[in-house]
Each structure stands twice: as structure tokens, then as C-alpha cells.
Protein backbone atom coordinates (compact mmCIF):
# COMPACT_ATOMS: atom_id res chain seq x y z
CA MET A 1 19.66 32.33 10.38
CA SER A 2 16.55 31.27 8.50
CA ALA A 3 16.28 27.73 7.09
CA GLN A 4 16.84 27.44 3.38
CA PRO A 5 13.71 26.32 1.52
CA LYS A 6 13.88 22.90 -0.07
CA PRO A 7 14.24 23.03 -3.85
CA TYR A 8 11.05 22.18 -5.74
CA LEU A 9 11.34 19.08 -7.93
CA THR A 10 8.99 18.53 -10.83
CA GLU A 11 7.28 15.18 -11.16
CA GLU A 12 9.04 14.64 -14.50
CA ALA A 13 12.41 15.13 -12.81
CA TYR A 14 11.38 12.82 -9.96
CA LEU A 15 10.36 10.04 -12.35
CA ALA A 16 13.56 10.36 -14.38
CA THR A 17 15.66 10.09 -11.25
CA GLU A 18 13.52 7.38 -9.65
CA ARG A 19 13.68 5.13 -12.71
CA ALA A 20 17.48 5.18 -12.55
CA SER A 21 17.68 4.76 -8.75
CA LEU A 22 18.34 1.60 -6.79
CA GLN A 23 16.39 3.00 -3.86
CA LYS A 24 12.66 3.79 -3.79
CA HIS A 25 11.35 7.26 -3.04
CA ALA A 26 7.92 8.79 -2.55
CA TYR A 27 6.99 12.10 -4.15
CA ILE A 28 4.41 14.74 -3.25
CA ASP A 29 4.16 18.47 -3.86
CA GLY A 30 7.66 18.83 -5.27
CA GLU A 31 9.35 16.95 -2.40
CA VAL A 32 11.01 13.53 -2.42
CA PHE A 33 11.19 11.14 0.53
CA ALA A 34 13.45 8.10 0.72
CA LEU A 35 11.75 4.83 1.64
CA ALA A 36 13.79 2.56 3.89
CA GLY A 37 13.44 -1.22 4.07
CA GLY A 38 11.04 -2.91 6.46
CA THR A 39 11.43 -5.38 9.30
CA VAL A 40 11.49 -9.16 8.93
CA ALA A 41 7.85 -9.35 10.03
CA HIS A 42 6.90 -6.60 7.56
CA ASN A 43 8.49 -8.42 4.66
CA LEU A 44 7.04 -11.81 5.61
CA ILE A 45 3.53 -10.45 5.99
CA SER A 46 3.71 -8.54 2.68
CA GLY A 47 5.03 -11.65 0.92
CA ASN A 48 2.35 -13.87 2.44
CA VAL A 49 -0.41 -11.50 1.36
CA PHE A 50 1.00 -11.25 -2.18
CA ALA A 51 1.31 -15.05 -2.48
CA ALA A 52 -2.21 -15.72 -1.19
CA LEU A 53 -3.89 -13.21 -3.49
CA HIS A 54 -1.71 -14.13 -6.49
CA ALA A 55 -2.91 -17.72 -6.27
CA GLN A 56 -6.56 -16.71 -5.88
CA LEU A 57 -6.63 -14.13 -8.67
CA ARG A 58 -4.88 -16.21 -11.30
CA GLY A 59 -7.10 -16.39 -14.36
CA THR A 60 -9.27 -13.44 -13.38
CA GLY A 61 -9.19 -9.90 -14.68
CA CYS A 62 -7.38 -8.70 -11.54
CA ARG A 63 -3.72 -9.02 -10.66
CA VAL A 64 -1.74 -8.47 -7.49
CA PHE A 65 1.34 -6.23 -7.30
CA SER A 66 4.07 -5.99 -4.68
CA SER A 67 5.78 -2.85 -3.37
CA ASP A 68 8.05 -2.83 -6.43
CA MET A 69 5.17 -1.30 -8.40
CA ARG A 70 4.71 2.44 -8.05
CA LEU A 71 1.29 4.03 -7.60
CA LYS A 72 0.33 7.56 -8.53
CA VAL A 73 -2.69 9.06 -6.80
CA MET A 74 -3.90 11.23 -9.68
CA PRO A 75 -6.06 13.73 -7.70
CA SER A 76 -3.29 14.62 -5.21
CA GLY A 77 -0.11 13.82 -7.15
CA LEU A 78 1.29 11.43 -4.53
CA ASN A 79 3.72 8.85 -5.97
CA THR A 80 4.32 5.96 -3.57
CA TYR A 81 4.78 2.20 -3.25
CA PRO A 82 1.95 0.36 -1.44
CA ASP A 83 2.98 -2.90 0.22
CA VAL A 84 0.42 -4.78 -1.88
CA MET A 85 -2.24 -3.65 -4.33
CA VAL A 86 -4.78 -5.39 -6.53
CA VAL A 87 -5.51 -3.82 -9.89
CA CYS A 88 -8.21 -4.97 -12.32
CA ARG A 89 -8.06 -4.68 -16.09
CA PRO A 90 -7.70 -2.50 -17.97
CA PHE A 91 -4.52 -1.43 -16.19
CA GLN A 92 -4.01 2.34 -16.31
CA PHE A 93 -0.47 3.79 -16.31
CA VAL A 94 0.86 7.31 -16.26
CA ASP A 95 2.86 6.78 -19.43
CA ASP A 96 4.25 4.22 -21.86
CA ARG A 97 6.90 3.08 -19.39
CA ARG A 98 4.12 1.12 -17.63
CA ASP A 99 5.82 1.29 -14.24
CA THR A 100 3.35 3.55 -12.43
CA LEU A 101 -0.24 2.39 -12.00
CA THR A 102 -3.18 4.68 -11.23
CA ASN A 103 -6.27 2.47 -10.79
CA PRO A 104 -6.03 0.05 -7.84
CA SER A 105 -9.14 -1.69 -6.49
CA VAL A 106 -7.51 -2.82 -3.23
CA ILE A 107 -4.53 -1.37 -1.31
CA ILE A 108 -2.94 -3.23 1.60
CA GLU A 109 -0.42 -1.67 3.96
CA VAL A 110 1.52 -3.40 6.77
CA LEU A 111 1.66 -1.13 9.80
CA SER A 112 4.81 -0.23 11.69
CA PRO A 113 5.41 2.22 14.54
CA SER A 114 6.95 4.83 12.27
CA THR A 115 4.22 4.74 9.60
CA GLU A 116 1.03 3.85 11.47
CA ARG A 117 -0.25 7.41 11.96
CA TYR A 118 0.51 8.27 8.33
CA ASP A 119 -1.06 5.08 6.97
CA ARG A 120 -4.25 5.68 8.98
CA GLY A 121 -4.40 9.42 8.38
CA MET A 122 -2.89 11.43 5.53
CA LYS A 123 -2.03 8.43 3.34
CA PHE A 124 -5.54 7.06 3.58
CA GLN A 125 -6.82 10.52 2.73
CA HIS A 126 -4.78 10.41 -0.46
CA TYR A 127 -5.93 6.89 -1.21
CA ARG A 128 -9.63 7.72 -0.70
CA SER A 129 -9.43 10.17 -3.61
CA ILE A 130 -8.71 7.33 -6.02
CA ALA A 131 -12.00 6.73 -7.86
CA THR A 132 -11.33 3.01 -8.48
CA LEU A 133 -10.28 2.15 -4.93
CA GLN A 134 -12.88 0.00 -3.19
CA GLU A 135 -10.99 -1.47 -0.21
CA TYR A 136 -8.16 -0.53 2.09
CA VAL A 137 -6.58 -3.01 4.47
CA LEU A 138 -4.19 -2.35 7.35
CA ILE A 139 -2.27 -5.28 8.85
CA ALA A 140 -0.57 -5.19 12.25
CA GLN A 141 2.94 -6.59 12.75
CA ASP A 142 2.83 -7.06 16.53
CA LYS A 143 -0.50 -8.91 16.84
CA HIS A 144 -2.92 -10.94 14.74
CA GLN A 145 -5.13 -8.15 13.46
CA MET A 146 -6.35 -6.79 10.16
CA GLU A 147 -8.44 -3.66 9.66
CA HIS A 148 -10.66 -3.42 6.61
CA TYR A 149 -12.21 -0.30 5.07
CA VAL A 150 -14.79 -0.75 2.27
CA ARG A 151 -16.18 2.05 0.11
CA GLN A 152 -19.97 2.19 0.14
CA ALA A 153 -22.27 3.21 -2.69
CA ASN A 154 -22.73 6.64 -1.11
CA GLY A 155 -18.96 7.18 -1.05
CA GLN A 156 -18.57 6.66 2.68
CA TRP A 157 -16.19 4.06 4.07
CA MET A 158 -17.29 1.17 6.34
CA PHE A 159 -14.78 -0.16 8.85
CA GLU A 160 -14.44 -3.67 10.24
CA GLU A 161 -11.76 -5.13 12.45
CA VAL A 162 -10.55 -8.71 11.90
CA PRO A 163 -9.09 -9.88 15.25
CA ALA A 164 -7.75 -13.30 16.11
CA PHE A 165 -11.17 -14.78 16.79
CA THR A 166 -12.46 -13.82 13.32
CA PRO A 167 -9.84 -15.53 11.19
CA MET A 168 -10.92 -14.50 7.63
CA LEU A 169 -11.16 -11.23 5.76
CA ILE A 170 -13.25 -11.18 2.57
CA LEU A 171 -12.34 -8.77 -0.26
CA PRO A 172 -15.66 -8.46 -2.09
CA SER A 173 -14.46 -6.11 -4.84
CA VAL A 174 -12.03 -8.70 -6.27
CA GLY A 175 -13.44 -11.95 -4.92
CA GLY A 176 -10.49 -12.77 -2.71
CA THR A 177 -9.97 -13.70 0.94
CA LEU A 178 -7.17 -13.42 3.46
CA THR A 179 -6.98 -15.69 6.49
CA LEU A 180 -4.94 -14.86 9.55
CA ALA A 181 -3.11 -18.20 9.14
CA GLU A 182 -1.99 -17.21 5.62
CA VAL A 183 -1.08 -13.63 6.50
CA TYR A 184 0.98 -14.50 9.58
CA ASP A 185 2.54 -17.74 8.31
CA GLY A 186 6.10 -17.92 9.64
CA VAL A 187 5.81 -14.63 11.48
CA GLU A 188 6.77 -14.36 15.15
CA VAL A 189 4.20 -11.86 16.41
CA GLN A 190 5.96 -9.75 19.02
CA PRO A 191 7.12 -6.13 19.24
CA GLU A 192 10.41 -5.81 17.34
CA GLY A 193 11.57 -2.41 18.60
CA PRO A 194 11.64 0.79 16.56
CA ALA A 195 10.86 0.11 12.90
CA GLU A 196 13.05 1.68 10.25
CA ASP A 197 10.61 1.86 7.36
CA ASP A 198 9.06 5.27 6.80
CA GLN A 199 6.91 5.00 3.70
CA ARG A 200 4.91 7.80 2.24
């Protein structure tokens, strides 16, 4: 017996359902994917990053958003919820509901075993197509490490790793910084077993 094809869902139908849902879902190419909650470490790291950047960017033209804010990658059609993103004015939304941004300058994702390959690979491929995106940061849960990708003038991306002996990451596009002490404040860095979050 052949498998039944999944029904195609329009983006309009996805948004209508998503706006009434208590659970978050990603959307790409007519398919919807449920997004489960993260680990304790994931939530602490995301919250620490948000708090640090929120304090630094107050009074500037850029603001920081948590994973409650949806992002649409306009070139590919991916709708998703980055762990943290920085967006500079003027904010650009898909419609008058103002709940889906399209022009981030910085995207930050906290890695987990179930999402690491996707965050490094296909998801970053989607993100690289965003014209306004200047920086992409990946943060490990199980060790003190941040990975930083910066778009160059020629369109290529430069990579730097921020290990424990280099305790500060500079975000030149928005004038912010992240220290390892801030990012991992209150976090017990140790493997936590299989992670349940599977974000797209």
C-alpha cells in the first residue's frame, strides 16, 4: 500500500491556524511542523541572551525579540521562530497583524542534539537568503562555546568560534556583545540526554 501524500496547506491557512493556536509550528512548502519546548539549559541560555541584548540595545534603533516572535524568510517561504533575533528599524512585517517579522539583522539559535544538523545546514541556508541578515550565532548547551558567522561585503560568510578562553563575542552589525558569563549564567553545562525540541 502506498503512503498517502500529505495535504498541502497554504500559507494563509497556516497563519490563520497558527494565530489561534497555543502551540508554535513552523511552515515550509505547504507543510507544518510542531515545535516542542526546549530543555532547562536551552531556556536559560535563550533568556540570558535576550536579557543581555535587551539591556544593551535600549535606546537604539534595534530591538531584540524572543522565540515568541515569528520570522518569515521571504525568499524561501519558511515561517519559524528563532530563539533570539535582533531587528533594526524600520521593522518589516508580512501584514498588518505585525506578528511576523521579515528583516532581522542578527539571528541566534541555541543548539540541541535534535536540531544541530538542521540549524547548521538547511536552516542556515534559509537564513542566508535574508538580505538584511548580517550575523548568525549558534550557542552550545553542553559546553561553553559560541559560533559566529558574519556576512562579508562580497556576500560570503566569515566564521569564528568563541570557546571558553575567548570569553566575548562582538556583534558589529548592532553594536552589541555577548560574554560567556552572561550567556551561561545559572546554566549547568553538562549533557542532558536526548533533547525534545525540534525546531524548523
